[in-house]
C-alpha atoms as a PDB file:
ATOM      1  CA  MET A   1       0.000   0.000   0.000  1.00  0.00           C
ATOM      2  CA  ILE A   2       0.998   3.606  -0.681  1.00  0.00           C
ATOM      3  CA  VAL A   3      -0.040   6.078   2.020  1.00  0.00           C
ATOM      4  CA  VAL A   4      -0.090   9.800   1.316  1.00  0.00           C
ATOM      5  CA  THR A   5      -0.226  12.458   4.026  1.00  0.00           C
ATOM      6  CA  GLY A   6      -1.723  15.885   3.500  1.00  0.00           C
ATOM      7  CA  ALA A   7      -4.138  14.432   0.962  1.00  0.00           C
ATOM      8  CA  THR A   8      -6.697  17.191   1.484  1.00  0.00           C
ATOM      9  CA  GLY A   9      -4.113  19.806   0.510  1.00  0.00           C
ATOM     10  CA  GLY A  10      -3.178  20.946  -2.972  1.00  0.00           C
ATOM     11  CA  LEU A  11      -0.066  18.871  -3.622  1.00  0.00           C
ATOM     12  CA  GLY A  12      -1.098  15.794  -1.655  1.00  0.00           C
ATOM     13  CA  GLY A  13      -4.585  15.704  -3.130  1.00  0.00           C
ATOM     14  CA  ALA A  14      -3.351  16.067  -6.688  1.00  0.00           C
ATOM     15  CA  THR A  15      -0.784  13.330  -6.096  1.00  0.00           C
ATOM     16  CA  VAL A  16      -3.517  10.939  -4.954  1.00  0.00           C
ATOM     17  CA  GLU A  17      -5.585  11.753  -8.040  1.00  0.00           C
ATOM     18  CA  HIS A  18      -2.646  10.831 -10.256  1.00  0.00           C
ATOM     19  CA  LEU A  19      -1.966   7.688  -8.218  1.00  0.00           C
ATOM     20  CA  LEU A  20      -5.532   6.515  -8.795  1.00  0.00           C
ATOM     21  CA  LYS A  21      -4.844   6.580 -12.532  1.00  0.00           C
ATOM     22  CA  ARG A  22      -1.929   4.185 -12.017  1.00  0.00           C
ATOM     23  CA  VAL A  23      -2.789   1.772  -9.203  1.00  0.00           C
ATOM     24  CA  PRO A  24      -6.013   0.266  -7.837  1.00  0.00           C
ATOM     25  CA  ALA A  25      -7.721   2.408  -5.216  1.00  0.00           C
ATOM     26  CA  GLY A  26      -7.420  -0.424  -2.703  1.00  0.00           C
ATOM     27  CA  GLN A  27      -3.644   0.003  -2.795  1.00  0.00           C
ATOM     28  CA  VAL A  28      -3.844   3.689  -1.818  1.00  0.00           C
ATOM     29  CA  GLY A  29      -4.337   5.113   1.644  1.00  0.00           C
ATOM     30  CA  VAL A  30      -4.424   8.669   2.932  1.00  0.00           C
ATOM     31  CA  SER A  31      -3.554  10.086   6.326  1.00  0.00           C
ATOM     32  CA  VAL A  32      -5.488  13.293   6.959  1.00  0.00           C
ATOM     33  CA  ARG A  33      -6.391  15.537   9.878  1.00  0.00           C
ATOM     34  CA  ASP A  34     -10.080  15.617   8.963  1.00  0.00           C
ATOM     35  CA  THR A  35     -11.402  12.416   7.418  1.00  0.00           C
ATOM     36  CA  ALA A  36     -14.633  14.135   6.350  1.00  0.00           C
ATOM     37  CA  LYS A  37     -12.640  16.250   3.916  1.00  0.00           C
ATOM     38  CA  ALA A  38     -11.318  13.056   2.289  1.00  0.00           C
ATOM     39  CA  GLN A  39     -14.715  11.424   1.818  1.00  0.00           C
ATOM     40  CA  HIS A  40     -14.386  11.830  -1.950  1.00  0.00           C
ATOM     41  CA  PHE A  41     -11.407   9.473  -1.792  1.00  0.00           C
ATOM     42  CA  ALA A  42     -13.155   7.008   0.505  1.00  0.00           C
ATOM     43  CA  ASP A  43     -16.074   6.878  -1.928  1.00  0.00           C
ATOM     44  CA  ARG A  44     -13.654   5.662  -4.597  1.00  0.00           C
ATOM     45  CA  GLY A  45     -12.154   2.894  -2.467  1.00  0.00           C
ATOM     46  CA  VAL A  46      -9.168   4.701  -0.950  1.00  0.00           C
ATOM     47  CA  ARG A  47      -8.397   3.830   2.667  1.00  0.00           C
ATOM     48  CA  VAL A  48      -8.926   7.008   4.701  1.00  0.00           C
ATOM     49  CA  ARG A  49      -7.582   7.262   8.246  1.00  0.00           C
ATOM     50  CA  GLN A  50      -7.119  10.144  10.625  1.00  0.00           C
ATOM     51  CA  GLY A  51      -3.534  11.107  11.280  1.00  0.00           C
ATOM     52  CA  SER A  52      -1.703  14.187  12.481  1.00  0.00           C
ATOM     53  CA  TYR A  53       1.996  14.953  12.738  1.00  0.00           C
ATOM     54  CA  GLU A  54       1.234  16.206  16.271  1.00  0.00           C
ATOM     55  CA  ASP A  55      -0.110  12.765  17.283  1.00  0.00           C
ATOM     56  CA  PRO A  56       2.298   9.895  16.527  1.00  0.00           C
ATOM     57  CA  ALA A  57      -0.198   7.250  17.658  1.00  0.00           C
ATOM     58  CA  THR A  58      -2.663   8.261  14.951  1.00  0.00           C
ATOM     59  CA  LEU A  59       0.139   8.298  12.410  1.00  0.00           C
ATOM     60  CA  ARG A  60       1.185   4.746  13.225  1.00  0.00           C
ATOM     61  CA  ASP A  61      -2.416   3.643  12.694  1.00  0.00           C
ATOM     62  CA  SER A  62      -2.835   5.567   9.450  1.00  0.00           C
ATOM     63  CA  PHE A  63       0.508   4.222   8.135  1.00  0.00           C
ATOM     64  CA  ALA A  64      -0.233   0.582   9.048  1.00  0.00           C
ATOM     65  CA  GLY A  65       0.390  -1.776   6.148  1.00  0.00           C
ATOM     66  CA  ALA A  66       2.159   0.837   4.042  1.00  0.00           C
ATOM     67  CA  GLU A  67       5.076  -0.189   1.874  1.00  0.00           C
ATOM     68  CA  GLN A  68       5.648   3.444   0.963  1.00  0.00           C
ATOM     69  CA  VAL A  69       4.687   6.628   2.796  1.00  0.00           C
ATOM     70  CA  LEU A  70       4.696  10.076   1.220  1.00  0.00           C
ATOM     71  CA  LEU A  71       5.284  12.742   3.852  1.00  0.00           C
ATOM     72  CA  VAL A  72       4.087  16.102   2.588  1.00  0.00           C
ATOM     73  CA  SER A  73       6.128  18.698   4.436  1.00  0.00           C
ATOM     74  CA  GLY A  74       4.411  21.139   6.746  1.00  0.00           C
ATOM     75  CA  ASN A  75       4.860  24.889   6.428  1.00  0.00           C
ATOM     76  CA  ASP A  76       3.587  26.444   9.655  1.00  0.00           C
ATOM     77  CA  PRO A  77       6.235  29.020  10.605  1.00  0.00           C
ATOM     78  CA  ALA A  78       5.000  29.013  14.206  1.00  0.00           C
ATOM     79  CA  ALA A  79       5.366  25.248  14.678  1.00  0.00           C
ATOM     80  CA  ASP A  80       8.353  23.013  15.361  1.00  0.00           C
ATOM     81  CA  MET A  81       8.227  21.525  11.882  1.00  0.00           C
ATOM     82  CA  VAL A  82      11.443  19.530  12.308  1.00  0.00           C
ATOM     83  CA  GLY A  83      10.024  17.870  15.420  1.00  0.00           C
ATOM     84  CA  LEU A  84       6.723  17.190  13.669  1.00  0.00           C
ATOM     85  CA  HIS A  85       8.490  15.724  10.654  1.00  0.00           C
ATOM     86  CA  ARG A  86      10.528  13.540  13.027  1.00  0.00           C
ATOM     87  CA  ASN A  87       7.255  12.226  14.468  1.00  0.00           C
ATOM     88  CA  ALA A  88       6.091  11.305  10.974  1.00  0.00           C
ATOM     89  CA  VAL A  89       9.345   9.611   9.992  1.00  0.00           C
ATOM     90  CA  GLU A  90       9.452   7.590  13.215  1.00  0.00           C
ATOM     91  CA  ALA A  91       5.808   6.570  12.790  1.00  0.00           C
ATOM     92  CA  ALA A  92       6.455   5.397   9.238  1.00  0.00           C
ATOM     93  CA  VAL A  93       9.431   3.345  10.405  1.00  0.00           C
ATOM     94  CA  ALA A  94       7.396   1.881  13.291  1.00  0.00           C
ATOM     95  CA  ALA A  95       4.612   0.969  10.865  1.00  0.00           C
ATOM     96  CA  GLY A  96       7.058  -1.033   8.762  1.00  0.00           C
ATOM     97  CA  ALA A  97       7.265   1.177   5.689  1.00  0.00           C
ATOM     98  CA  ARG A  98       9.993   0.077   3.309  1.00  0.00           C
ATOM     99  CA  ARG A  99      10.468   3.536   1.769  1.00  0.00           C
ATOM    100  CA  ILE A 100       9.669   7.050   2.944  1.00  0.00           C
ATOM    101  CA  LEU A 101       9.299   9.856   0.445  1.00  0.00           C
ATOM    102  CA  TYR A 102       9.396  13.473   1.583  1.00  0.00           C
ATOM    103  CA  THR A 103       8.466  16.670  -0.234  1.00  0.00           C
ATOM    104  CA  SER A 104      11.581  18.762   0.187  1.00  0.00           C
ATOM    105  CA  GLN A 105      12.675  21.935  -1.605  1.00  0.00           C
ATOM    106  CA  GLN A 106      15.110  22.761  -4.354  1.00  0.00           C
ATOM    107  CA  GLY A 107      18.296  24.205  -2.917  1.00  0.00           C
ATOM    108  CA  ALA A 108      17.900  22.528   0.483  1.00  0.00           C
ATOM    109  CA  VAL A 109      21.617  22.835   1.214  1.00  0.00           C
ATOM    110  CA  PRO A 110      23.613  24.505   3.992  1.00  0.00           C
ATOM    111  CA  GLY A 111      24.041  28.227   3.527  1.00  0.00           C
ATOM    112  CA  ASN A 112      20.763  28.831   1.734  1.00  0.00           C
ATOM    113  CA  PRO A 113      19.358  32.027   3.305  1.00  0.00           C
ATOM    114  CA  TYR A 114      15.746  30.994   2.659  1.00  0.00           C
ATOM    115  CA  ARG A 115      14.717  29.995   6.156  1.00  0.00           C
ATOM    116  CA  PRO A 116      12.471  26.997   5.328  1.00  0.00           C
ATOM    117  CA  SER A 117      15.569  25.373   3.829  1.00  0.00           C
ATOM    118  CA  ASP A 118      16.752  24.707   7.378  1.00  0.00           C
ATOM    119  CA  ILE A 119      13.637  22.616   8.024  1.00  0.00           C
ATOM    120  CA  HIS A 120      14.190  20.529   4.898  1.00  0.00           C
ATOM    121  CA  ILE A 121      17.903  20.058   5.593  1.00  0.00           C
ATOM    122  CA  ALA A 122      17.158  18.858   9.128  1.00  0.00           C
ATOM    123  CA  THR A 123      14.355  16.556   7.959  1.00  0.00           C
ATOM    124  CA  GLU A 124      16.550  15.021   5.265  1.00  0.00           C
ATOM    125  CA  ALA A 125      19.150  14.343   7.974  1.00  0.00           C
ATOM    126  CA  ILE A 126      16.480  12.583  10.059  1.00  0.00           C
ATOM    127  CA  LEU A 127      15.559  10.479   7.037  1.00  0.00           C
ATOM    128  CA  GLY A 128      19.210   9.634   6.465  1.00  0.00           C
ATOM    129  CA  ASP A 129      19.441   8.233   9.978  1.00  0.00           C
ATOM    130  CA  CYS A 130      16.090   6.432  10.075  1.00  0.00           C
ATOM    131  CA  GLY A 131      17.285   3.063   8.776  1.00  0.00           C
ATOM    132  CA  VAL A 132      14.696   2.882   5.985  1.00  0.00           C
ATOM    133  CA  ALA A 133      15.141   3.664   2.279  1.00  0.00           C
ATOM    134  CA  TRP A 134      14.158   7.258   1.593  1.00  0.00           C
ATOM    135  CA  THR A 135      13.701   9.775  -1.172  1.00  0.00           C
ATOM    136  CA  ALA A 136      13.647  13.560  -0.802  1.00  0.00           C
ATOM    137  CA  LEU A 137      11.806  15.206  -3.669  1.00  0.00           C
ATOM    138  CA  ARG A 138      13.454  18.626  -3.878  1.00  0.00           C
ATOM    139  CA  ASN A 139      10.688  20.450  -5.699  1.00  0.00           C
ATOM    140  CA  GLY A 140      11.136  23.647  -7.652  1.00  0.00           C
ATOM    141  CA  ALA A 141       9.159  26.729  -6.613  1.00  0.00           C
ATOM    142  CA  TYR A 142       5.507  26.063  -7.440  1.00  0.00           C
ATOM    143  CA  GLY A 143       3.728  28.711  -5.373  1.00  0.00           C
ATOM    144  CA  PRO A 144       1.460  31.334  -6.956  1.00  0.00           C
ATOM    145  CA  LEU A 145       3.371  33.632  -9.275  1.00  0.00           C
ATOM    146  CA  ASP A 146       1.626  36.720  -7.929  1.00  0.00           C
ATOM    147  CA  GLN A 147       3.242  35.989  -4.592  1.00  0.00           C
ATOM    148  CA  VAL A 148       6.716  36.520  -6.022  1.00  0.00           C
ATOM    149  CA  LEU A 149       5.993  38.930  -8.873  1.00  0.00           C
ATOM    150  CA  GLY A 150       3.678  41.304  -7.045  1.00  0.00           C
ATOM    151  CA  PRO A 151       0.687  43.195  -8.547  1.00  0.00           C
ATOM    152  CA  TRP A 152       2.316  43.754 -11.953  1.00  0.00           C
ATOM    153  CA  GLN A 153      -0.931  43.295 -13.874  1.00  0.00           C
ATOM    154  CA  ARG A 154      -2.379  46.354 -12.154  1.00  0.00           C
ATOM    155  CA  THR A 155       0.782  48.476 -12.042  1.00  0.00           C
ATOM    156  CA  GLY A 156       2.596  47.401 -15.213  1.00  0.00           C
ATOM    157  CA  VAL A 157       5.731  47.032 -13.118  1.00  0.00           C
ATOM    158  CA  ILE A 158       7.460  44.074 -11.492  1.00  0.00           C
ATOM    159  CA  ALA A 159       8.726  46.032  -8.484  1.00  0.00           C
ATOM    160  CA  GLN A 160      10.425  43.486  -6.264  1.00  0.00           C
ATOM    161  CA  PRO A 161      13.839  43.001  -4.645  1.00  0.00           C
ATOM    162  CA  GLU A 162      16.827  41.820  -6.660  1.00  0.00           C
ATOM    163  CA  ASP A 163      16.259  38.245  -7.737  1.00  0.00           C
ATOM    164  CA  GLY A 164      18.064  35.477  -9.608  1.00  0.00           C
ATOM    165  CA  PRO A 165      17.245  32.593 -11.943  1.00  0.00           C
ATOM    166  CA  VAL A 166      14.535  30.213 -10.723  1.00  0.00           C
ATOM    167  CA  PRO A 167      12.933  27.287 -12.587  1.00  0.00           C
ATOM    168  CA  TYR A 168       9.362  28.154 -11.609  1.00  0.00           C
ATOM    169  CA  THR A 169       7.543  24.814 -11.685  1.00  0.00           C
ATOM    170  CA  ASP A 170       3.904  23.823 -12.055  1.00  0.00           C
ATOM    171  CA  ARG A 171       2.446  22.129  -8.980  1.00  0.00           C
ATOM    172  CA  ALA A 172       0.351  19.851 -11.160  1.00  0.00           C
ATOM    173  CA  ASP A 173       3.524  18.573 -12.845  1.00  0.00           C
ATOM    174  CA  ILE A 174       5.150  17.964  -9.451  1.00  0.00           C
ATOM    175  CA  ALA A 175       2.098  16.014  -8.272  1.00  0.00           C
ATOM    176  CA  GLU A 176       2.030  13.858 -11.391  1.00  0.00           C
ATOM    177  CA  ALA A 177       5.749  13.109 -11.175  1.00  0.00           C
ATOM    178  CA  THR A 178       5.419  12.232  -7.497  1.00  0.00           C
ATOM    179  CA  ALA A 179       2.720   9.721  -8.372  1.00  0.00           C
ATOM    180  CA  VAL A 180       4.938   8.270 -11.099  1.00  0.00           C
ATOM    181  CA  VAL A 181       7.729   7.758  -8.567  1.00  0.00           C
ATOM    182  CA  LEU A 182       5.378   6.172  -6.016  1.00  0.00           C
ATOM    183  CA  ALA A 183       3.699   3.867  -8.525  1.00  0.00           C
ATOM    184  CA  GLY A 184       6.702   3.020 -10.668  1.00  0.00           C
ATOM    185  CA  ASP A 185       9.471   0.429 -10.593  1.00  0.00           C
ATOM    186  CA  ARG A 186      12.296   2.981 -10.555  1.00  0.00           C
ATOM    187  CA  SER A 187      13.636   3.862  -7.111  1.00  0.00           C
ATOM    188  CA  PHE A 188      15.459   7.022  -6.137  1.00  0.00           C
ATOM    189  CA  ASP A 189      17.654   7.063  -3.066  1.00  0.00           C
ATOM    190  CA  GLY A 190      18.303  10.303  -1.234  1.00  0.00           C
ATOM    191  CA  PRO A 191      17.578  13.744  -2.662  1.00  0.00           C
ATOM    192  CA  VAL A 192      16.415  14.287  -6.247  1.00  0.00           C
ATOM    193  CA  THR A 193      15.479  17.608  -7.824  1.00  0.00           C
ATOM    194  CA  LEU A 194      12.226  18.128  -9.733  1.00  0.00           C
ATOM    195  CA  THR A 195      12.029  21.417 -11.626  1.00  0.00           C
ATOM    196  CA  ALA A 196      10.820  23.005 -14.818  1.00  0.00           C
ATOM    197  CA  PRO A 197      13.434  22.791 -17.592  1.00  0.00           C
ATOM    198  CA  THR A 198      14.529  26.431 -17.584  1.00  0.00           C
ATOM    199  CA  ALA A 199      15.353  28.966 -14.890  1.00  0.00           C
ATOM    200  CA  VAL A 200      14.184  32.525 -15.474  1.00  0.00           C
ATOM    201  CA  THR A 201      14.600  35.911 -13.809  1.00  0.00           C
ATOM    202  CA  PHE A 202      12.235  38.811 -13.288  1.00  0.00           C
ATOM    203  CA  ASP A 203      13.822  40.469 -16.316  1.00  0.00           C
ATOM    204  CA  ASP A 204      12.750  37.429 -18.310  1.00  0.00           C
ATOM    205  CA  PHE A 205       9.273  37.695 -16.828  1.00  0.00           C
ATOM    206  CA  THR A 206       8.931  41.306 -17.959  1.00  0.00           C
ATOM    207  CA  LYS A 207       9.608  40.210 -21.539  1.00  0.00           C
ATOM    208  CA  ILE A 208       7.230  37.265 -21.258  1.00  0.00           C
ATOM    209  CA  ALA A 209       4.517  39.395 -19.662  1.00  0.00           C
ATOM    210  CA  SER A 210       4.930  42.138 -22.258  1.00  0.00           C
ATOM    211  CA  ASP A 211       4.563  39.610 -25.079  1.00  0.00           C
ATOM    212  CA  LEU A 212       1.522  37.986 -23.476  1.00  0.00           C
ATOM    213  CA  THR A 213      -0.329  41.213 -22.695  1.00  0.00           C
ATOM    214  CA  GLY A 214       0.804  43.525 -25.489  1.00  0.00           C
ATOM    215  CA  ARG A 215       1.784  46.040 -22.802  1.00  0.00           C
ATOM    216  CA  THR A 216       5.225  47.275 -21.863  1.00  0.00           C
ATOM    217  CA  ILE A 217       5.914  45.722 -18.472  1.00  0.00           C
ATOM    218  CA  LYS A 218       8.886  47.196 -16.632  1.00  0.00           C
ATOM    219  CA  ARG A 219      11.218  45.809 -13.991  1.00  0.00           C
ATOM    220  CA  VAL A 220      12.095  47.939 -10.967  1.00  0.00           C
ATOM    221  CA  VAL A 221      14.571  46.628  -8.398  1.00  0.00           C
ATOM    222  CA  LEU A 222      13.573  47.659  -4.890  1.00  0.00           C
ATOM    223  CA  ASP A 223      15.922  48.000  -1.943  1.00  0.00           C
ATOM    224  CA  ASP A 224      15.352  45.115   0.449  1.00  0.00           C
ATOM    225  CA  GLU A 225      14.335  47.258   3.397  1.00  0.00           C
ATOM    226  CA  GLN A 226      12.116  49.448   1.238  1.00  0.00           C
ATOM    227  CA  TRP A 227      10.355  46.347  -0.029  1.00  0.00           C
ATOM    228  CA  VAL A 228       9.823  45.076   3.528  1.00  0.00           C
ATOM    229  CA  ALA A 229       8.433  48.475   4.530  1.00  0.00           C
ATOM    230  CA  ASP A 230       6.095  48.450   1.524  1.00  0.00           C
ATOM    231  CA  GLN A 231       4.848  44.981   2.455  1.00  0.00           C
ATOM    232  CA  ILE A 232       4.136  46.068   6.014  1.00  0.00           C
ATOM    233  CA  THR A 233       2.239  49.087   4.666  1.00  0.00           C
ATOM    234  CA  ILE A 234      -0.141  46.853   2.718  1.00  0.00           C
ATOM    235  CA  GLY A 235      -0.786  44.677   5.758  1.00  0.00           C
ATOM    236  CA  VAL A 236       1.756  41.873   5.523  1.00  0.00           C
ATOM    237  CA  PRO A 237       3.152  40.993   8.968  1.00  0.00           C
ATOM    238  CA  GLU A 238       6.806  42.008   9.235  1.00  0.00           C
ATOM    239  CA  GLN A 239       7.883  38.462  10.156  1.00  0.00           C
ATOM    240  CA  MET A 240       6.237  37.099   7.003  1.00  0.00           C
ATOM    241  CA  ALA A 241       7.718  39.861   4.826  1.00  0.00           C
ATOM    242  CA  ARG A 242      11.205  39.156   6.128  1.00  0.00           C
ATOM    243  CA  LEU A 243      10.725  35.442   5.574  1.00  0.00           C
ATOM    244  CA  MET A 244       9.754  36.086   1.958  1.00  0.00           C
ATOM    245  CA  LEU A 245      12.731  38.412   1.578  1.00  0.00           C
ATOM    246  CA  THR A 246      15.059  35.506   2.329  1.00  0.00           C
ATOM    247  CA  TRP A 247      13.586  33.758  -0.718  1.00  0.00           C
ATOM    248  CA  TYR A 248      14.650  36.621  -2.982  1.00  0.00           C
ATOM    249  CA  GLN A 249      18.050  36.642  -1.311  1.00  0.00           C
ATOM    250  CA  ALA A 250      18.456  32.927  -1.959  1.00  0.00           C
ATOM    251  CA  ALA A 251      17.418  33.361  -5.588  1.00  0.00           C
ATOM    252  CA  ARG A 252      19.921  36.139  -6.191  1.00  0.00           C
ATOM    253  CA  ALA A 253      22.647  34.009  -4.582  1.00  0.00           C
ATOM    254  CA  GLY A 254      21.944  31.232  -7.091  1.00  0.00           C
ATOM    255  CA  TYR A 255      20.491  28.615  -4.753  1.00  0.00           C
ATOM    256  CA  PHE A 256      17.551  27.952  -7.084  1.00  0.00           C
ATOM    257  CA  ALA A 257      19.362  28.381 -10.408  1.00  0.00           C
ATOM    258  CA  GLU A 258      19.860  24.769 -11.422  1.00  0.00           C
ATOM    259  CA  ALA A 259      17.160  23.223 -13.607  1.00  0.00           C
ATOM    260  CA  GLY A 260      17.237  19.475 -14.064  1.00  0.00           C
ATOM    261  CA  PRO A 261      15.842  16.992 -16.605  1.00  0.00           C
ATOM    262  CA  LEU A 262      14.301  14.469 -14.197  1.00  0.00           C
ATOM    263  CA  LEU A 263      10.832  16.012 -14.067  1.00  0.00           C
ATOM    264  CA  ALA A 264      10.512  15.779 -17.840  1.00  0.00           C
ATOM    265  CA  GLU A 265      11.786  12.185 -17.781  1.00  0.00           C
ATOM    266  CA  LEU A 266       9.198  11.159 -15.220  1.00  0.00           C
ATOM    267  CA  LEU A 267       6.353  12.909 -17.026  1.00  0.00           C
ATOM    268  CA  GLY A 268       7.365  11.639 -20.453  1.00  0.00           C
ATOM    269  CA  ARG A 269       6.817  15.159 -21.782  1.00  0.00           C
ATOM    270  CA  GLU A 270       8.050  18.678 -21.273  1.00  0.00           C
ATOM    271  CA  PRO A 271       6.821  20.264 -18.033  1.00  0.00           C
ATOM    272  CA  ARG A 272       4.965  23.552 -18.151  1.00  0.00           C
ATOM    273  CA  THR A 273       7.296  26.513 -18.458  1.00  0.00           C
ATOM    274  CA  ALA A 274       7.276  29.823 -16.613  1.00  0.00           C
ATOM    275  CA  ALA A 275       5.659  31.356 -19.697  1.00  0.00           C
ATOM    276  CA  ASP A 276       2.938  28.683 -19.613  1.00  0.00           C
ATOM    277  CA  ARG A 277       2.297  29.394 -15.947  1.00  0.00           C
ATOM    278  CA  LEU A 278       2.182  33.143 -16.465  1.00  0.00           C
ATOM    279  CA  ALA A 279      -0.218  32.798 -19.378  1.00  0.00           C
ATOM    280  CA  ALA A 280      -2.501  30.631 -17.228  1.00  0.00           C
ATOM    281  CA  HIS A 281      -2.279  33.160 -14.407  1.00  0.00           C
ATOM    282  CA  ILE A 282      -3.245  36.010 -16.717  1.00  0.00           C
ATOM    283  CA  ALA A 283      -6.204  34.012 -18.009  1.00  0.00           C
ATOM    284  CA  THR A 284      -7.697  33.500 -14.530  1.00  0.00           C
END
């Protein structure tokens, strides 16, 4: 059995949908906080059990019988995510899983200024010591583009801090590739990187956006502290603004620059590009 955590979230839920196209529903289980929200999976024959990273006993029950467990990483900045991930890893080991897969992040290496990297680095170290085969899926940035580009459609300007090349990746492609790894015969040991084929900068985005809209979109580089102040002015908590700033700092330092071919290999096609994602964003 393959058990997926976080199956009522965006990435976990999409991964389960792709799994159900590849393996019988009876071979898929989900571990979720609220089983009512996973009723649509239960109705299709998926085993649904309650499980929470805060409650190892429920995790051991929800992981029972699993050959593989996909641990979707948490992202609560106020929580001890490393401790919670440790709970999940230990529960998977106790349940007898033969392989643990974990949704990590591209550039999860020492020195990366983007603060969530520390969580992924520590969790990968826990996996390395757990005594069970493991895979860390270091996913390229797949969050909403408006989060990193700002309100350019309204202003005609991408006014953000200095950036660097990033292979902005489609979450749907990541979910499909994750299902391919879980359902396939090919094993990956340790960290592997899943990204779109090409890394782009905000300068590239201005050209792409100009072509897509027929407008002249400009790029303005904001001072880091000015950008933080602007974010606070529009209601973003300072702690959150400074956390996001570390992402731009990591990008400009090249921590997200490398784009790899594995995602395309797993999909059997070219992943969606940054231009594809931006066009879809404009259309919504």
